[in-house]
Amino acid sequence: MNPLIPSAKTIQIYLPKGNPRGLRLAEMTTRTVRLIEIPRIHINDFFAMPDANQVGLYFLIGETESTEKPLLYVGQTGDLKRRLNQHDDKDFWTRAFVMLSTNNSMTQTHALYMEHKAIATATQVGRYEIKNGNNGNRPHTPDPLKADCEELFYTLDVLLSTLGQPIFESISISSVDNSQTKTVPLTIVEPTKKNEAFSLQAIGLNKEPILFYCKVKNANAQGFYDDDGFVVLAGSLVRKQHTPSLSQWALNKKEEMLSDDKLVEHNNESYKLVEDLLFKTPSGAAQIVTGRPTNGWVEWKDCNGRTLSDTYR
């Protein structure tokens, strides 16, 4: 069967911690490819897995408050844990997607070939803003190995789309042959007592979040980091004045919050936030609070003075 022709598929999604917003392992039941979705907040859960030491292809995905397209960095490595640890300095990413083989058959040559193809295809499709500084190095690939890579890449494409990241799907309009419609039945595999029981506690619904604080002159805010971004809590005080270097996005966002009555007058120097507000990034939240460009990973601190970066990175 030609892997490029759409056909019915069964995909298994496993939740190792019972958390549908946490780690997710996706596999096509007839293939040897595993795709692991890793929220940055749960990166240590992945590092504790045997999979973390394998050869793999990885995708770092995130957003900034000021861009419409998601941001994407593509890489490959012979040691996923070591390489992902080296990306601590990249502030933009909030989720990693790691591709590896279920039988340890993927080699560095496979990974290099697919890294090059992934960057080229994602650039051509244009759904994401590519953060790579180059297009990767395409190795010499004998035809049998190239055929393996193309089949692996096809499976990767399906699994990424299944987990909500259509990195390689064209956005151009084309005719559709309904007889070839791709259907993907999903099987959600819940944990067993052998690993971790599914419960409200496992998905964090009955756990108090770790609170972080941002305190500068005329501003006093608190919030928490979760799978979707940084939430600034109602009652937080936001500085009215801003520096000339504050981004245009932050200026527009504050005006929008004022016009929507999410920010109200508190005193001559501060506004008050009247409802909990989710920001895509900690830095975006900190910019609004402080009125200046800042790195939210170090600006937000817990009650013991530990930064957001100290806690989650």
C-alpha atoms as a PDB file:
ATOM      1  CA  MET A   1       0.000   0.000   0.000  1.00  0.00           C
ATOM      2  CA  ASN A   2       1.276   3.473  -0.852  1.00  0.00           C
ATOM      3  CA  PRO A   3       1.559   5.369   2.485  1.00  0.00           C
ATOM      4  CA  LEU A   4       0.776   8.640   0.722  1.00  0.00           C
ATOM      5  CA  ILE A   5      -2.755   7.508  -0.181  1.00  0.00           C
ATOM      6  CA  PRO A   6      -5.158   8.348   2.658  1.00  0.00           C
ATOM      7  CA  SER A   7      -6.835   5.374   4.265  1.00  0.00           C
ATOM      8  CA  ALA A   8      -8.576   4.510   7.519  1.00  0.00           C
ATOM      9  CA  LYS A   9      -6.281   4.369  10.528  1.00  0.00           C
ATOM     10  CA  THR A  10      -6.415   3.548  14.216  1.00  0.00           C
ATOM     11  CA  ILE A  11      -4.364   5.771  16.480  1.00  0.00           C
ATOM     12  CA  GLN A  12      -3.793   5.040  20.150  1.00  0.00           C
ATOM     13  CA  ILE A  13      -3.277   7.935  22.567  1.00  0.00           C
ATOM     14  CA  TYR A  14      -1.906   7.034  25.978  1.00  0.00           C
ATOM     15  CA  LEU A  15      -2.023   9.347  29.010  1.00  0.00           C
ATOM     16  CA  PRO A  16       0.811   8.157  31.292  1.00  0.00           C
ATOM     17  CA  LYS A  17      -0.188  10.518  34.110  1.00  0.00           C
ATOM     18  CA  GLY A  18      -3.922  10.426  33.467  1.00  0.00           C
ATOM     19  CA  ASN A  19      -3.795  14.104  32.522  1.00  0.00           C
ATOM     20  CA  PRO A  20      -5.329  14.898  29.112  1.00  0.00           C
ATOM     21  CA  ARG A  21      -3.453  18.226  29.121  1.00  0.00           C
ATOM     22  CA  GLY A  22      -0.167  16.671  30.228  1.00  0.00           C
ATOM     23  CA  LEU A  23       2.061  14.106  28.528  1.00  0.00           C
ATOM     24  CA  ARG A  24       0.386  12.335  25.617  1.00  0.00           C
ATOM     25  CA  LEU A  25       1.868   9.412  23.680  1.00  0.00           C
ATOM     26  CA  ALA A  26       0.408   8.830  20.217  1.00  0.00           C
ATOM     27  CA  GLU A  27       1.062   5.773  18.047  1.00  0.00           C
ATOM     28  CA  MET A  28      -0.399   4.388  14.845  1.00  0.00           C
ATOM     29  CA  THR A  29      -1.081   0.766  15.711  1.00  0.00           C
ATOM     30  CA  THR A  30       0.478  -0.618  12.512  1.00  0.00           C
ATOM     31  CA  ARG A  31       3.667   1.506  12.592  1.00  0.00           C
ATOM     32  CA  THR A  32       6.797   1.802  14.734  1.00  0.00           C
ATOM     33  CA  VAL A  33       6.622   5.572  15.284  1.00  0.00           C
ATOM     34  CA  ARG A  34       5.776   7.137  18.641  1.00  0.00           C
ATOM     35  CA  LEU A  35       5.007  10.854  19.025  1.00  0.00           C
ATOM     36  CA  ILE A  36       5.141  12.290  22.543  1.00  0.00           C
ATOM     37  CA  GLU A  37       3.554  15.643  23.358  1.00  0.00           C
ATOM     38  CA  ILE A  38       5.323  17.321  26.280  1.00  0.00           C
ATOM     39  CA  PRO A  39       4.018  20.525  27.869  1.00  0.00           C
ATOM     40  CA  ARG A  40       7.056  22.470  29.062  1.00  0.00           C
ATOM     41  CA  ILE A  41       5.610  22.519  32.561  1.00  0.00           C
ATOM     42  CA  HIS A  42       5.849  18.675  32.543  1.00  0.00           C
ATOM     43  CA  ILE A  43       9.270  18.285  30.880  1.00  0.00           C
ATOM     44  CA  ASN A  44      10.713  16.433  33.907  1.00  0.00           C
ATOM     45  CA  ASP A  45       8.042  13.748  33.530  1.00  0.00           C
ATOM     46  CA  PHE A  46       9.434  13.050  30.059  1.00  0.00           C
ATOM     47  CA  PHE A  47      13.039  13.104  31.267  1.00  0.00           C
ATOM     48  CA  ALA A  48      12.158  10.304  33.706  1.00  0.00           C
ATOM     49  CA  MET A  49      11.040   8.050  30.810  1.00  0.00           C
ATOM     50  CA  PRO A  50      13.405   5.589  29.032  1.00  0.00           C
ATOM     51  CA  ASP A  51      12.327   7.235  25.748  1.00  0.00           C
ATOM     52  CA  ALA A  52      14.214  10.385  26.771  1.00  0.00           C
ATOM     53  CA  ASN A  53      17.593   8.837  25.956  1.00  0.00           C
ATOM     54  CA  GLN A  54      16.776   7.785  22.395  1.00  0.00           C
ATOM     55  CA  VAL A  55      17.595   9.179  18.973  1.00  0.00           C
ATOM     56  CA  GLY A  56      14.730  11.423  17.931  1.00  0.00           C
ATOM     57  CA  LEU A  57      13.291  14.291  15.961  1.00  0.00           C
ATOM     58  CA  TYR A  58      11.726  17.084  18.000  1.00  0.00           C
ATOM     59  CA  PHE A  59       9.536  20.135  17.487  1.00  0.00           C
ATOM     60  CA  LEU A  60       9.468  23.074  19.905  1.00  0.00           C
ATOM     61  CA  ILE A  61       6.213  24.991  19.551  1.00  0.00           C
ATOM     62  CA  GLY A  62       5.010  28.175  21.196  1.00  0.00           C
ATOM     63  CA  GLU A  63       3.453  31.545  20.635  1.00  0.00           C
ATOM     64  CA  THR A  64       4.171  35.153  21.350  1.00  0.00           C
ATOM     65  CA  GLU A  65       1.524  37.694  22.144  1.00  0.00           C
ATOM     66  CA  SER A  66       2.497  39.750  19.094  1.00  0.00           C
ATOM     67  CA  THR A  67       2.462  37.139  16.293  1.00  0.00           C
ATOM     68  CA  GLU A  68      -0.480  35.418  14.662  1.00  0.00           C
ATOM     69  CA  LYS A  69       1.406  32.272  13.612  1.00  0.00           C
ATOM     70  CA  PRO A  70       2.655  29.717  16.133  1.00  0.00           C
ATOM     71  CA  LEU A  71       6.446  29.601  16.454  1.00  0.00           C
ATOM     72  CA  LEU A  72       8.302  26.414  15.509  1.00  0.00           C
ATOM     73  CA  TYR A  73      11.826  25.099  15.974  1.00  0.00           C
ATOM     74  CA  VAL A  74      12.772  21.724  14.472  1.00  0.00           C
ATOM     75  CA  GLY A  75      15.748  19.661  15.646  1.00  0.00           C
ATOM     76  CA  GLN A  76      17.205  16.175  15.825  1.00  0.00           C
ATOM     77  CA  THR A  77      19.494  14.505  18.308  1.00  0.00           C
ATOM     78  CA  GLY A  78      21.031  11.256  19.459  1.00  0.00           C
ATOM     79  CA  ASP A  79      20.002  12.006  23.065  1.00  0.00           C
ATOM     80  CA  LEU A  80      16.655  13.749  23.506  1.00  0.00           C
ATOM     81  CA  LYS A  81      17.051  14.553  27.201  1.00  0.00           C
ATOM     82  CA  ARG A  82      20.457  16.149  26.773  1.00  0.00           C
ATOM     83  CA  ARG A  83      19.372  18.181  23.747  1.00  0.00           C
ATOM     84  CA  LEU A  84      16.083  19.430  25.183  1.00  0.00           C
ATOM     85  CA  ASN A  85      17.934  20.527  28.321  1.00  0.00           C
ATOM     86  CA  GLN A  86      20.137  22.660  26.073  1.00  0.00           C
ATOM     87  CA  HIS A  87      17.056  24.529  24.809  1.00  0.00           C
ATOM     88  CA  ASP A  88      16.330  26.114  28.197  1.00  0.00           C
ATOM     89  CA  ASP A  89      17.512  29.416  26.736  1.00  0.00           C
ATOM     90  CA  LYS A  90      14.695  29.451  24.178  1.00  0.00           C
ATOM     91  CA  ASP A  91      11.865  31.316  25.893  1.00  0.00           C
ATOM     92  CA  PHE A  92       9.198  30.991  23.215  1.00  0.00           C
ATOM     93  CA  TRP A  93       8.308  27.302  23.384  1.00  0.00           C
ATOM     94  CA  THR A  94       5.568  25.944  25.617  1.00  0.00           C
ATOM     95  CA  ARG A  95       5.239  22.429  24.174  1.00  0.00           C
ATOM     96  CA  ALA A  96       7.650  19.926  22.669  1.00  0.00           C
ATOM     97  CA  PHE A  97       6.667  17.111  20.327  1.00  0.00           C
ATOM     98  CA  VAL A  98       9.191  14.289  20.183  1.00  0.00           C
ATOM     99  CA  MET A  99       9.255  11.601  17.488  1.00  0.00           C
ATOM    100  CA  LEU A 100      11.112   8.334  18.105  1.00  0.00           C
ATOM    101  CA  SER A 101      10.857   4.692  17.118  1.00  0.00           C
ATOM    102  CA  THR A 102       9.146   2.121  19.315  1.00  0.00           C
ATOM    103  CA  ASN A 103      11.812  -0.504  18.515  1.00  0.00           C
ATOM    104  CA  ASN A 104      14.919   1.745  18.670  1.00  0.00           C
ATOM    105  CA  SER A 105      15.466   1.336  14.928  1.00  0.00           C
ATOM    106  CA  MET A 106      15.762   5.051  14.147  1.00  0.00           C
ATOM    107  CA  THR A 107      19.333   6.156  13.444  1.00  0.00           C
ATOM    108  CA  GLN A 108      20.945   9.584  13.372  1.00  0.00           C
ATOM    109  CA  THR A 109      20.806   9.421   9.558  1.00  0.00           C
ATOM    110  CA  HIS A 110      17.031   8.932   9.691  1.00  0.00           C
ATOM    111  CA  ALA A 111      16.754  11.894  12.059  1.00  0.00           C
ATOM    112  CA  LEU A 112      18.999  14.162   9.938  1.00  0.00           C
ATOM    113  CA  TYR A 113      17.051  13.375   6.769  1.00  0.00           C
ATOM    114  CA  MET A 114      13.699  14.035   8.415  1.00  0.00           C
ATOM    115  CA  GLU A 115      14.914  17.215  10.122  1.00  0.00           C
ATOM    116  CA  HIS A 116      15.886  18.637   6.721  1.00  0.00           C
ATOM    117  CA  LYS A 117      12.592  17.528   5.165  1.00  0.00           C
ATOM    118  CA  ALA A 118      10.555  18.833   8.112  1.00  0.00           C
ATOM    119  CA  ILE A 119      12.082  22.326   7.969  1.00  0.00           C
ATOM    120  CA  ALA A 120      11.720  22.527   4.178  1.00  0.00           C
ATOM    121  CA  THR A 121       8.108  21.290   4.208  1.00  0.00           C
ATOM    122  CA  ALA A 122       7.027  23.500   7.136  1.00  0.00           C
ATOM    123  CA  THR A 123       8.625  26.530   5.467  1.00  0.00           C
ATOM    124  CA  GLN A 124       6.830  25.798   2.194  1.00  0.00           C
ATOM    125  CA  VAL A 125       3.448  25.248   3.870  1.00  0.00           C
ATOM    126  CA  GLY A 126       3.756  28.443   5.945  1.00  0.00           C
ATOM    127  CA  ARG A 127       1.440  27.632   8.834  1.00  0.00           C
ATOM    128  CA  TYR A 128       4.177  28.266  11.434  1.00  0.00           C
ATOM    129  CA  GLU A 129       6.900  30.869  11.840  1.00  0.00           C
ATOM    130  CA  ILE A 130      10.160  28.904  11.650  1.00  0.00           C
ATOM    131  CA  LYS A 131      12.765  29.767  14.295  1.00  0.00           C
ATOM    132  CA  ASN A 132      15.606  27.666  12.832  1.00  0.00           C
ATOM    133  CA  GLY A 133      18.613  29.604  11.612  1.00  0.00           C
ATOM    134  CA  ASN A 134      19.263  27.099   8.801  1.00  0.00           C
ATOM    135  CA  ASN A 135      17.538  24.301   6.903  1.00  0.00           C
ATOM    136  CA  GLY A 136      19.390  21.419   8.562  1.00  0.00           C
ATOM    137  CA  ASN A 137      21.933  19.128   6.903  1.00  0.00           C
ATOM    138  CA  ARG A 138      20.566  16.499   4.542  1.00  0.00           C
ATOM    139  CA  PRO A 139      22.850  13.464   4.730  1.00  0.00           C
ATOM    140  CA  HIS A 140      23.705  11.104   1.903  1.00  0.00           C
ATOM    141  CA  THR A 141      20.785   8.674   2.023  1.00  0.00           C
ATOM    142  CA  PRO A 142      20.721   5.390   0.037  1.00  0.00           C
ATOM    143  CA  ASP A 143      17.399   4.689  -1.660  1.00  0.00           C
ATOM    144  CA  PRO A 144      16.267   1.950   0.788  1.00  0.00           C
ATOM    145  CA  LEU A 145      16.943   4.249   3.757  1.00  0.00           C
ATOM    146  CA  LYS A 146      15.242   7.159   1.978  1.00  0.00           C
ATOM    147  CA  ALA A 147      12.134   5.000   1.473  1.00  0.00           C
ATOM    148  CA  ASP A 148      12.111   4.223   5.211  1.00  0.00           C
ATOM    149  CA  CYS A 149      12.400   7.938   6.027  1.00  0.00           C
ATOM    150  CA  GLU A 150       9.531   8.885   3.713  1.00  0.00           C
ATOM    151  CA  GLU A 151       7.257   6.323   5.358  1.00  0.00           C
ATOM    152  CA  LEU A 152       8.282   7.481   8.830  1.00  0.00           C
ATOM    153  CA  PHE A 153       7.655  11.073   7.810  1.00  0.00           C
ATOM    154  CA  TYR A 154       4.168  10.242   6.577  1.00  0.00           C
ATOM    155  CA  THR A 155       3.326   8.647   9.935  1.00  0.00           C
ATOM    156  CA  LEU A 156       4.790  11.662  11.742  1.00  0.00           C
ATOM    157  CA  ASP A 157       2.564  13.978   9.685  1.00  0.00           C
ATOM    158  CA  VAL A 158      -0.578  12.041  10.662  1.00  0.00           C
ATOM    159  CA  LEU A 159       0.340  11.900  14.357  1.00  0.00           C
ATOM    160  CA  LEU A 160       1.212  15.601  14.556  1.00  0.00           C
ATOM    161  CA  SER A 161      -2.119  16.528  12.982  1.00  0.00           C
ATOM    162  CA  THR A 162      -3.946  14.164  15.336  1.00  0.00           C
ATOM    163  CA  LEU A 163      -2.403  15.992  18.310  1.00  0.00           C
ATOM    164  CA  GLY A 164      -3.449  19.359  16.906  1.00  0.00           C
ATOM    165  CA  GLN A 165      -0.275  20.446  15.077  1.00  0.00           C
ATOM    166  CA  PRO A 166      -0.873  20.428  11.276  1.00  0.00           C
ATOM    167  CA  ILE A 167       2.702  21.521  10.586  1.00  0.00           C
ATOM    168  CA  PHE A 168       2.938  19.878   7.168  1.00  0.00           C
ATOM    169  CA  GLU A 169      -0.666  20.236   5.963  1.00  0.00           C
ATOM    170  CA  SER A 170      -1.057  22.538   2.992  1.00  0.00           C
ATOM    171  CA  ILE A 171      -3.422  25.460   3.479  1.00  0.00           C
ATOM    172  CA  SER A 172      -4.057  25.807  -0.263  1.00  0.00           C
ATOM    173  CA  ILE A 173      -7.483  24.885  -1.634  1.00  0.00           C
ATOM    174  CA  SER A 174      -7.552  21.720  -3.707  1.00  0.00           C
ATOM    175  CA  SER A 175     -10.180  19.288  -4.948  1.00  0.00           C
ATOM    176  CA  VAL A 176     -11.030  16.458  -2.584  1.00  0.00           C
ATOM    177  CA  ASP A 177     -11.776  12.909  -3.620  1.00  0.00           C
ATOM    178  CA  ASN A 178     -14.388  11.867  -1.071  1.00  0.00           C
ATOM    179  CA  SER A 179     -13.627   8.207  -1.721  1.00  0.00           C
ATOM    180  CA  GLN A 180     -10.149   8.836  -0.305  1.00  0.00           C
ATOM    181  CA  THR A 181     -11.263  10.704   2.800  1.00  0.00           C
ATOM    182  CA  LYS A 182      -8.899  10.042   5.698  1.00  0.00           C
ATOM    183  CA  THR A 183     -10.670   8.877   8.842  1.00  0.00           C
ATOM    184  CA  VAL A 184      -8.760   8.405  12.060  1.00  0.00           C
ATOM    185  CA  PRO A 185     -10.547   6.496  14.829  1.00  0.00           C
ATOM    186  CA  LEU A 186      -8.931   7.270  18.180  1.00  0.00           C
ATOM    187  CA  THR A 187      -8.429   5.022  21.158  1.00  0.00           C
ATOM    188  CA  ILE A 188      -7.763   6.796  24.452  1.00  0.00           C
ATOM    189  CA  VAL A 189      -5.909   4.446  26.771  1.00  0.00           C
ATOM    190  CA  GLU A 190      -6.376   5.343  30.409  1.00  0.00           C
ATOM    191  CA  PRO A 191      -3.731   4.465  32.998  1.00  0.00           C
ATOM    192  CA  THR A 192      -4.044   1.342  35.088  1.00  0.00           C
ATOM    193  CA  LYS A 193      -3.248   0.790  38.741  1.00  0.00           C
ATOM    194  CA  LYS A 194       0.157  -0.391  37.573  1.00  0.00           C
ATOM    195  CA  ASN A 195       1.174   3.185  36.787  1.00  0.00           C
ATOM    196  CA  GLU A 196      -1.149   5.908  37.990  1.00  0.00           C
ATOM    197  CA  ALA A 197      -4.887   5.962  38.580  1.00  0.00           C
ATOM    198  CA  PHE A 198      -6.945   8.499  36.688  1.00  0.00           C
ATOM    199  CA  SER A 199      -8.289  11.045  39.141  1.00  0.00           C
ATOM    200  CA  LEU A 200      -9.025  14.708  39.576  1.00  0.00           C
ATOM    201  CA  GLN A 201      -5.746  15.026  41.402  1.00  0.00           C
ATOM    202  CA  ALA A 202      -3.866  13.542  38.447  1.00  0.00           C
ATOM    203  CA  ILE A 203      -5.118  16.262  36.136  1.00  0.00           C
ATOM    204  CA  GLY A 204      -4.623  18.954  38.731  1.00  0.00           C
ATOM    205  CA  LEU A 205      -8.217  19.989  39.267  1.00  0.00           C
ATOM    206  CA  ASN A 206      -8.108  19.784  43.051  1.00  0.00           C
ATOM    207  CA  LYS A 207      -4.570  21.074  43.508  1.00  0.00           C
ATOM    208  CA  GLU A 208      -3.791  24.654  44.407  1.00  0.00           C
ATOM    209  CA  PRO A 209      -1.562  26.192  41.738  1.00  0.00           C
ATOM    210  CA  ILE A 210       1.811  27.640  42.678  1.00  0.00           C
ATOM    211  CA  LEU A 211       1.337  31.400  42.896  1.00  0.00           C
ATOM    212  CA  PHE A 212       3.899  33.797  41.462  1.00  0.00           C
ATOM    213  CA  TYR A 213       4.160  37.522  42.115  1.00  0.00           C
ATOM    214  CA  CYS A 214       5.308  40.508  40.113  1.00  0.00           C
ATOM    215  CA  LYS A 215       5.946  43.559  42.302  1.00  0.00           C
ATOM    216  CA  VAL A 216       7.397  46.791  40.939  1.00  0.00           C
ATOM    217  CA  LYS A 217       6.641  50.451  41.598  1.00  0.00           C
ATOM    218  CA  ASN A 218       2.865  51.034  41.264  1.00  0.00           C
ATOM    219  CA  ALA A 219       2.226  47.399  40.278  1.00  0.00           C
ATOM    220  CA  ASN A 220       1.481  44.340  42.390  1.00  0.00           C
ATOM    221  CA  ALA A 221       0.205  41.276  40.550  1.00  0.00           C
ATOM    222  CA  GLN A 222      -0.126  37.570  41.202  1.00  0.00           C
ATOM    223  CA  GLY A 223      -0.807  34.634  38.929  1.00  0.00           C
ATOM    224  CA  PHE A 224       0.098  31.065  38.020  1.00  0.00           C
ATOM    225  CA  TYR A 225       1.525  29.117  35.095  1.00  0.00           C
ATOM    226  CA  ASP A 226      -0.424  26.253  33.551  1.00  0.00           C
ATOM    227  CA  ASP A 227      -0.595  24.189  30.373  1.00  0.00           C
ATOM    228  CA  ASP A 228      -2.133  27.020  28.347  1.00  0.00           C
ATOM    229  CA  GLY A 229      -0.002  29.986  29.432  1.00  0.00           C
ATOM    230  CA  PHE A 230       0.200  32.386  32.370  1.00  0.00           C
ATOM    231  CA  VAL A 231      -2.943  33.478  34.235  1.00  0.00           C
ATOM    232  CA  VAL A 232      -2.890  36.875  35.966  1.00  0.00           C
ATOM    233  CA  LEU A 233      -5.446  36.878  38.761  1.00  0.00           C
ATOM    234  CA  ALA A 234      -8.239  39.354  39.358  1.00  0.00           C
ATOM    235  CA  GLY A 235      -7.323  42.041  41.868  1.00  0.00           C
ATOM    236  CA  SER A 236      -3.809  42.452  40.487  1.00  0.00           C
ATOM    237  CA  LEU A 237      -2.572  46.014  40.183  1.00  0.00           C
ATOM    238  CA  VAL A 238      -1.134  47.098  36.830  1.00  0.00           C
ATOM    239  CA  ARG A 239       1.179  50.077  36.391  1.00  0.00           C
ATOM    240  CA  LYS A 240      -0.362  52.922  34.389  1.00  0.00           C
ATOM    241  CA  GLN A 241       2.842  54.435  33.064  1.00  0.00           C
ATOM    242  CA  HIS A 242       5.006  52.649  30.529  1.00  0.00           C
ATOM    243  CA  THR A 243       8.477  53.050  29.091  1.00  0.00           C
ATOM    244  CA  PRO A 244       9.006  54.247  25.486  1.00  0.00           C
ATOM    245  CA  SER A 245      10.415  50.800  24.644  1.00  0.00           C
ATOM    246  CA  LEU A 246       7.212  48.917  25.516  1.00  0.00           C
ATOM    247  CA  SER A 247       6.086  46.866  22.515  1.00  0.00           C
ATOM    248  CA  GLN A 248       3.210  47.978  20.331  1.00  0.00           C
ATOM    249  CA  TRP A 249       1.450  44.713  21.131  1.00  0.00           C
ATOM    250  CA  ALA A 250       1.488  45.523  24.875  1.00  0.00           C
ATOM    251  CA  LEU A 251       0.227  49.059  24.253  1.00  0.00           C
ATOM    252  CA  ASN A 252      -2.636  47.736  22.128  1.00  0.00           C
ATOM    253  CA  LYS A 253      -3.427  44.983  24.619  1.00  0.00           C
ATOM    254  CA  LYS A 254      -3.675  47.378  27.530  1.00  0.00           C
ATOM    255  CA  GLU A 255      -5.992  49.664  25.503  1.00  0.00           C
ATOM    256  CA  GLU A 256      -8.138  46.658  24.650  1.00  0.00           C
ATOM    257  CA  MET A 257      -8.327  45.631  28.323  1.00  0.00           C
ATOM    258  CA  LEU A 258      -9.363  49.159  29.286  1.00  0.00           C
ATOM    259  CA  SER A 259     -12.033  49.380  26.596  1.00  0.00           C
ATOM    260  CA  ASP A 260     -13.406  45.958  27.627  1.00  0.00           C
ATOM    261  CA  ASP A 261     -13.505  47.061  31.296  1.00  0.00           C
ATOM    262  CA  LYS A 262     -11.084  44.322  32.302  1.00  0.00           C
ATOM    263  CA  LEU A 263      -8.827  47.029  33.700  1.00  0.00           C
ATOM    264  CA  VAL A 264     -10.421  49.719  35.858  1.00  0.00           C
ATOM    265  CA  GLU A 265      -9.165  52.784  37.678  1.00  0.00           C
ATOM    266  CA  HIS A 266      -7.525  52.043  41.038  1.00  0.00           C
ATOM    267  CA  ASN A 267      -5.612  55.254  41.790  1.00  0.00           C
ATOM    268  CA  ASN A 268      -3.478  57.821  39.985  1.00  0.00           C
ATOM    269  CA  GLU A 269      -0.669  55.328  39.383  1.00  0.00           C
ATOM    270  CA  SER A 270      -2.388  51.967  38.953  1.00  0.00           C
ATOM    271  CA  TYR A 271      -5.198  50.057  37.260  1.00  0.00           C
ATOM    272  CA  LYS A 272      -6.887  47.010  38.796  1.00  0.00           C
ATOM    273  CA  LEU A 273      -7.601  43.808  36.887  1.00  0.00           C
ATOM    274  CA  VAL A 274     -11.214  42.776  37.522  1.00  0.00           C
ATOM    275  CA  GLU A 275     -11.109  39.207  36.147  1.00  0.00           C
ATOM    276  CA  ASP A 276      -8.591  36.387  35.752  1.00  0.00           C
ATOM    277  CA  LEU A 277      -6.834  36.813  32.415  1.00  0.00           C
ATOM    278  CA  LEU A 278      -4.843  34.219  30.446  1.00  0.00           C
ATOM    279  CA  PHE A 279      -1.757  35.314  28.505  1.00  0.00           C
ATOM    280  CA  LYS A 280       0.040  33.091  26.021  1.00  0.00           C
ATOM    281  CA  THR A 281       3.417  33.718  27.672  1.00  0.00           C
ATOM    282  CA  PRO A 282       4.749  34.762  31.096  1.00  0.00           C
ATOM    283  CA  SER A 283       6.640  37.614  29.416  1.00  0.00           C
ATOM    284  CA  GLY A 284       3.487  39.011  27.837  1.00  0.00           C
ATOM    285  CA  ALA A 285       1.776  39.003  31.232  1.00  0.00           C
ATOM    286  CA  ALA A 286       4.769  40.708  32.870  1.00  0.00           C
ATOM    287  CA  GLN A 287       4.896  43.416  30.192  1.00  0.00           C
ATOM    288  CA  ILE A 288       1.297  44.390  30.853  1.00  0.00           C
ATOM    289  CA  VAL A 289       1.865  44.502  34.630  1.00  0.00           C
ATOM    290  CA  THR A 290       5.182  46.409  34.638  1.00  0.00           C
ATOM    291  CA  GLY A 291       4.735  48.648  31.602  1.00  0.00           C
ATOM    292  CA  ARG A 292       8.182  47.748  30.236  1.00  0.00           C
ATOM    293  CA  PRO A 293       9.862  45.002  28.194  1.00  0.00           C
ATOM    294  CA  THR A 294      10.842  42.170  30.538  1.00  0.00           C
ATOM    295  CA  ASN A 295      11.520  38.454  30.707  1.00  0.00           C
ATOM    296  CA  GLY A 296       8.548  36.961  32.525  1.00  0.00           C
ATOM    297  CA  TRP A 297      10.464  33.773  33.353  1.00  0.00           C
ATOM    298  CA  VAL A 298      12.596  35.770  35.811  1.00  0.00           C
ATOM    299  CA  GLU A 299      10.145  38.596  36.615  1.00  0.00           C
ATOM    300  CA  TRP A 300       7.527  36.306  38.199  1.00  0.00           C
ATOM    301  CA  LYS A 301       8.655  34.921  41.583  1.00  0.00           C
ATOM    302  CA  ASP A 302       7.033  32.726  44.202  1.00  0.00           C
ATOM    303  CA  CYS A 303       6.744  33.565  47.904  1.00  0.00           C
ATOM    304  CA  ASN A 304      10.274  32.237  48.486  1.00  0.00           C
ATOM    305  CA  GLY A 305      11.828  34.347  45.739  1.00  0.00           C
ATOM    306  CA  ARG A 306      12.221  31.485  43.247  1.00  0.00           C
ATOM    307  CA  THR A 307      11.611  32.567  39.684  1.00  0.00           C
ATOM    308  CA  LEU A 308       9.231  30.891  37.279  1.00  0.00           C
ATOM    309  CA  SER A 309      12.329  29.666  35.432  1.00  0.00           C
ATOM    310  CA  ASP A 310      13.749  28.117  38.618  1.00  0.00           C
ATOM    311  CA  THR A 311      10.514  26.194  39.145  1.00  0.00           C
ATOM    312  CA  TYR A 312       9.606  24.974  35.669  1.00  0.00           C
ATOM    313  CA  ARG A 313      12.804  24.961  33.590  1.00  0.00           C
END
